[in-house]
Every structure is written in C-alpha cells, then in structure tokens.
Amino acid sequence: MLRWLSPINAWISRFCMIVAVVGLLTIVAVVALQVFGRYVLNDTPTWAESLALVLVLYVTMFGAAVGVRDAGHIGLESILVMLLPERHRIWVEILIHLLVLSFGVFMAWHAGLMAESVMGYKIPTLGLPEGLNHVPLSIAGVLIVLFSIEHILALLAGKEVRPSWH
C-alpha cells in the first residue's frame, strides 16, 4: 500500500506547496496594490483586504498540511523519546502520528460543518460565500489524515517518508 500511497502523497504535497507559493505571491501583490491605492491614489480598493485574508487561510492551511507530510511539525520528540530503545520509540512515534491524525479528523469534520453553516452568507467586498474561509481548513484536515496514515505505514514497514521537495 505504501508503494502507491507515497507517490500520490508526494504529488499532492508538491501541488499544495505550489498553490501556497502562488497564494503567497498573490497576497504580496494584493497588499502592494492596497498600499499603492491608499497612499498614492488616495483610493483603497475595498476588496483587497478581504482577498488577502482569504488567501492567508489557504496559504497557511496548505502549508500546514505539507509540514505534516514532510515531518516539519512539532513531533513531540524530546530527549526522553530518543533515549528509549528502538522498539519502544517506534510506538511513541506511531502514537504521535495517531494524535496528529485525530486532530486532522476533527479539523476536517468541524471546519466542514462550519463552512456548510455559513455558505449562505457573502463576504461583503468580494461577493463570495463566507464558507470559502473554512474550506481550506477542511481540505487541510483531510490531507493531514492522509499524510499521517502514510507516516504510520512507513514506520510499520521500517521505512522513512521522503520529503516531497526531494
């Protein structure tokens, strides 16, 4: 299972990184336009701040999911865990990934409920549904679950997950 899951997860992770980078560049452009409009034209675009806030959510949530896949999150690895014998250390690492997986399930589920509950409202300056603010949390939660499963399977197989940027 790990043989086909890892390449798929690596592709998804790289795609998320690309989306996050494009989103970050767009945030910089939108904020620059907002500053230019405010101080040079004395006419701030009303949609710029709302768009930047929506983009921040997508950038951070996709970046967080990639951080889980590439083991860039805080893994609760302390000196005490490293002092454990190898056979005990693997179970602590699996427990850590199970906790991260549980967090991803809660995040995906509750963000999905929140998105659904506010989808009928509009972001005033953009005219887009308010639920779009919660969609990236739900997507990231699903990706965190998927990436955690990959880590658990890799630990059980005695392998490591190669970061997607390799």
Protein backbone atom coordinates (compact mmCIF):
# COMPACT_ATOMS: atom_id res chain seq x y z
CA MET A 1 0.00 0.00 0.00
CA LEU A 2 2.86 2.34 0.80
CA ARG A 3 4.28 1.82 -2.70
CA TRP A 4 1.39 3.61 -4.36
CA LEU A 5 0.42 5.93 -1.46
CA SER A 6 3.80 7.68 -1.19
CA PRO A 7 4.00 8.87 -4.83
CA ILE A 8 0.40 10.11 -4.69
CA ASN A 9 1.01 11.93 -1.40
CA ALA A 10 4.27 13.39 -2.72
CA TRP A 11 2.43 14.75 -5.76
CA ILE A 12 -0.38 16.18 -3.60
CA SER A 13 2.17 17.73 -1.26
CA ARG A 14 4.11 19.35 -4.12
CA PHE A 15 0.85 20.65 -5.58
CA CYS A 16 -0.10 22.15 -2.19
CA MET A 17 3.32 23.81 -1.97
CA ILE A 18 2.86 25.33 -5.42
CA VAL A 19 -0.63 26.58 -4.50
CA ALA A 20 0.74 28.04 -1.25
CA VAL A 21 3.60 29.82 -3.03
CA VAL A 22 1.28 31.23 -5.70
CA GLY A 23 -1.10 32.31 -2.93
CA LEU A 24 1.72 33.99 -1.04
CA LEU A 25 2.85 35.87 -4.15
CA THR A 26 -0.74 36.92 -4.75
CA ILE A 27 -1.01 38.18 -1.16
CA VAL A 28 2.11 40.29 -1.69
CA ALA A 29 0.69 41.72 -4.93
CA VAL A 30 -2.73 42.45 -3.41
CA VAL A 31 -1.27 44.13 -0.32
CA ALA A 32 1.13 46.16 -2.50
CA LEU A 33 -1.84 47.26 -4.61
CA GLN A 34 -3.74 48.19 -1.46
CA VAL A 35 -0.83 50.27 -0.12
CA PHE A 36 -0.35 51.93 -3.53
CA GLY A 37 -4.05 52.72 -3.71
CA ARG A 38 -4.16 54.10 -0.19
CA TYR A 39 -1.04 56.28 -0.23
CA VAL A 40 -0.60 57.20 -3.89
CA LEU A 41 -4.09 57.23 -5.37
CA ASN A 42 -5.85 58.03 -2.09
CA ASP A 43 -8.42 55.39 -3.11
CA THR A 44 -8.04 51.98 -1.45
CA PRO A 45 -9.54 49.02 -3.30
CA THR A 46 -12.26 47.72 -0.96
CA TRP A 47 -11.78 44.08 -1.97
CA ALA A 48 -8.01 43.91 -1.37
CA GLU A 49 -8.02 43.31 2.38
CA SER A 50 -10.75 40.66 2.21
CA LEU A 51 -8.98 38.81 -0.59
CA ALA A 52 -5.67 38.90 1.29
CA LEU A 53 -7.36 37.44 4.39
CA VAL A 54 -8.94 34.60 2.40
CA LEU A 55 -5.62 33.85 0.71
CA VAL A 56 -3.81 33.77 4.07
CA LEU A 57 -6.11 30.95 5.17
CA TYR A 58 -5.34 28.90 2.05
CA VAL A 59 -1.59 29.51 2.26
CA THR A 60 -1.32 28.61 5.94
CA MET A 61 -3.56 25.55 5.81
CA PHE A 62 -1.92 24.05 2.72
CA GLY A 63 1.49 24.85 4.21
CA ALA A 64 0.49 23.14 7.46
CA ALA A 65 -0.58 20.01 5.61
CA VAL A 66 2.73 19.91 3.73
CA GLY A 67 4.51 20.37 7.06
CA VAL A 68 2.85 17.21 8.34
CA ARG A 69 3.91 15.22 5.28
CA ASP A 70 7.47 16.47 5.37
CA ALA A 71 7.65 15.97 9.17
CA GLY A 72 8.11 19.68 9.75
CA HIS A 73 5.58 19.78 12.57
CA ILE A 74 6.37 19.56 16.24
CA GLY A 75 6.54 15.83 16.73
CA LEU A 76 6.84 15.90 20.50
CA GLU A 77 10.25 14.35 20.05
CA SER A 78 12.21 15.00 23.15
CA ILE A 79 15.43 13.68 24.52
CA LEU A 80 13.38 11.23 26.57
CA VAL A 81 11.87 9.71 23.42
CA MET A 82 15.29 9.48 21.81
CA LEU A 83 16.64 7.66 24.87
CA LEU A 84 14.02 4.93 24.52
CA PRO A 85 15.04 1.64 22.91
CA GLU A 86 14.21 1.43 19.18
CA ARG A 87 11.31 -1.00 19.69
CA HIS A 88 9.62 1.42 22.14
CA ARG A 89 10.47 4.56 20.17
CA ILE A 90 8.54 3.36 17.11
CA TRP A 91 5.36 3.01 19.18
CA VAL A 92 5.74 6.50 20.58
CA GLU A 93 6.20 7.84 17.05
CA ILE A 94 3.11 5.93 15.89
CA LEU A 95 1.18 7.41 18.83
CA ILE A 96 2.31 10.90 17.78
CA HIS A 97 1.09 10.31 14.22
CA LEU A 98 -2.21 8.90 15.54
CA LEU A 99 -2.70 12.06 17.60
CA VAL A 100 -1.94 14.23 14.56
CA LEU A 101 -4.34 12.08 12.51
CA SER A 102 -7.06 12.56 15.15
CA PHE A 103 -6.51 16.31 15.04
CA GLY A 104 -6.87 16.19 11.24
CA VAL A 105 -10.16 14.30 11.51
CA PHE A 106 -11.57 16.83 13.99
CA MET A 107 -10.32 19.74 11.90
CA ALA A 108 -11.77 18.39 8.64
CA TRP A 109 -15.11 17.49 10.17
CA HIS A 110 -15.76 20.64 12.17
CA ALA A 111 -14.41 23.00 9.52
CA GLY A 112 -16.70 21.28 7.01
CA LEU A 113 -19.68 21.81 9.32
CA MET A 114 -18.71 25.45 9.81
CA ALA A 115 -18.26 26.01 6.07
CA GLU A 116 -21.66 24.49 5.38
CA SER A 117 -23.35 26.60 8.05
CA VAL A 118 -22.06 29.93 6.69
CA MET A 119 -22.05 29.17 2.96
CA GLY A 120 -25.24 31.21 2.51
CA TYR A 121 -23.56 34.41 3.74
CA LYS A 122 -21.43 36.57 1.47
CA ILE A 123 -18.07 38.22 2.08
CA PRO A 124 -19.30 41.79 1.54
CA THR A 125 -16.44 43.23 -0.51
CA LEU A 126 -15.84 40.09 -2.59
CA GLY A 127 -19.35 38.73 -3.10
CA LEU A 128 -18.02 35.22 -2.45
CA PRO A 129 -19.58 32.79 0.02
CA GLU A 130 -18.30 33.14 3.61
CA GLY A 131 -17.89 29.37 3.73
CA LEU A 132 -14.85 29.66 1.46
CA ASN A 133 -12.96 30.85 4.54
CA HIS A 134 -13.46 27.43 6.16
CA VAL A 135 -12.93 25.18 3.13
CA PRO A 136 -9.09 25.24 3.36
CA LEU A 137 -9.26 24.03 6.97
CA SER A 138 -11.37 21.08 5.93
CA ILE A 139 -9.12 20.24 2.96
CA ALA A 140 -6.01 20.52 5.13
CA GLY A 141 -7.61 18.26 7.74
CA VAL A 142 -8.21 15.56 5.13
CA LEU A 143 -4.64 15.93 3.84
CA ILE A 144 -3.25 15.71 7.39
CA VAL A 145 -5.13 12.44 7.86
CA LEU A 146 -3.81 11.08 4.56
CA PHE A 147 -0.23 12.13 5.31
CA SER A 148 -0.38 10.73 8.85
CA ILE A 149 -1.54 7.37 7.51
CA GLU A 150 1.46 7.37 5.20
CA HIS A 151 3.81 8.03 8.12
CA ILE A 152 2.26 5.25 10.21
CA LEU A 153 2.53 2.76 7.35
CA ALA A 154 6.13 3.79 6.73
CA LEU A 155 7.02 3.32 10.40
CA LEU A 156 5.43 -0.12 10.44
CA ALA A 157 7.34 -1.04 7.25
CA GLY A 158 10.63 0.28 8.67
CA LYS A 159 10.89 2.99 6.02
CA GLU A 160 11.00 6.78 6.01
CA VAL A 161 8.76 9.17 4.13
CA ARG A 162 10.88 11.17 1.71
CA PRO A 163 10.03 14.88 1.80
CA SER A 164 8.13 15.98 -1.28
CA TRP A 165 10.75 18.57 -2.23
CA HIS A 166 13.32 15.84 -2.99
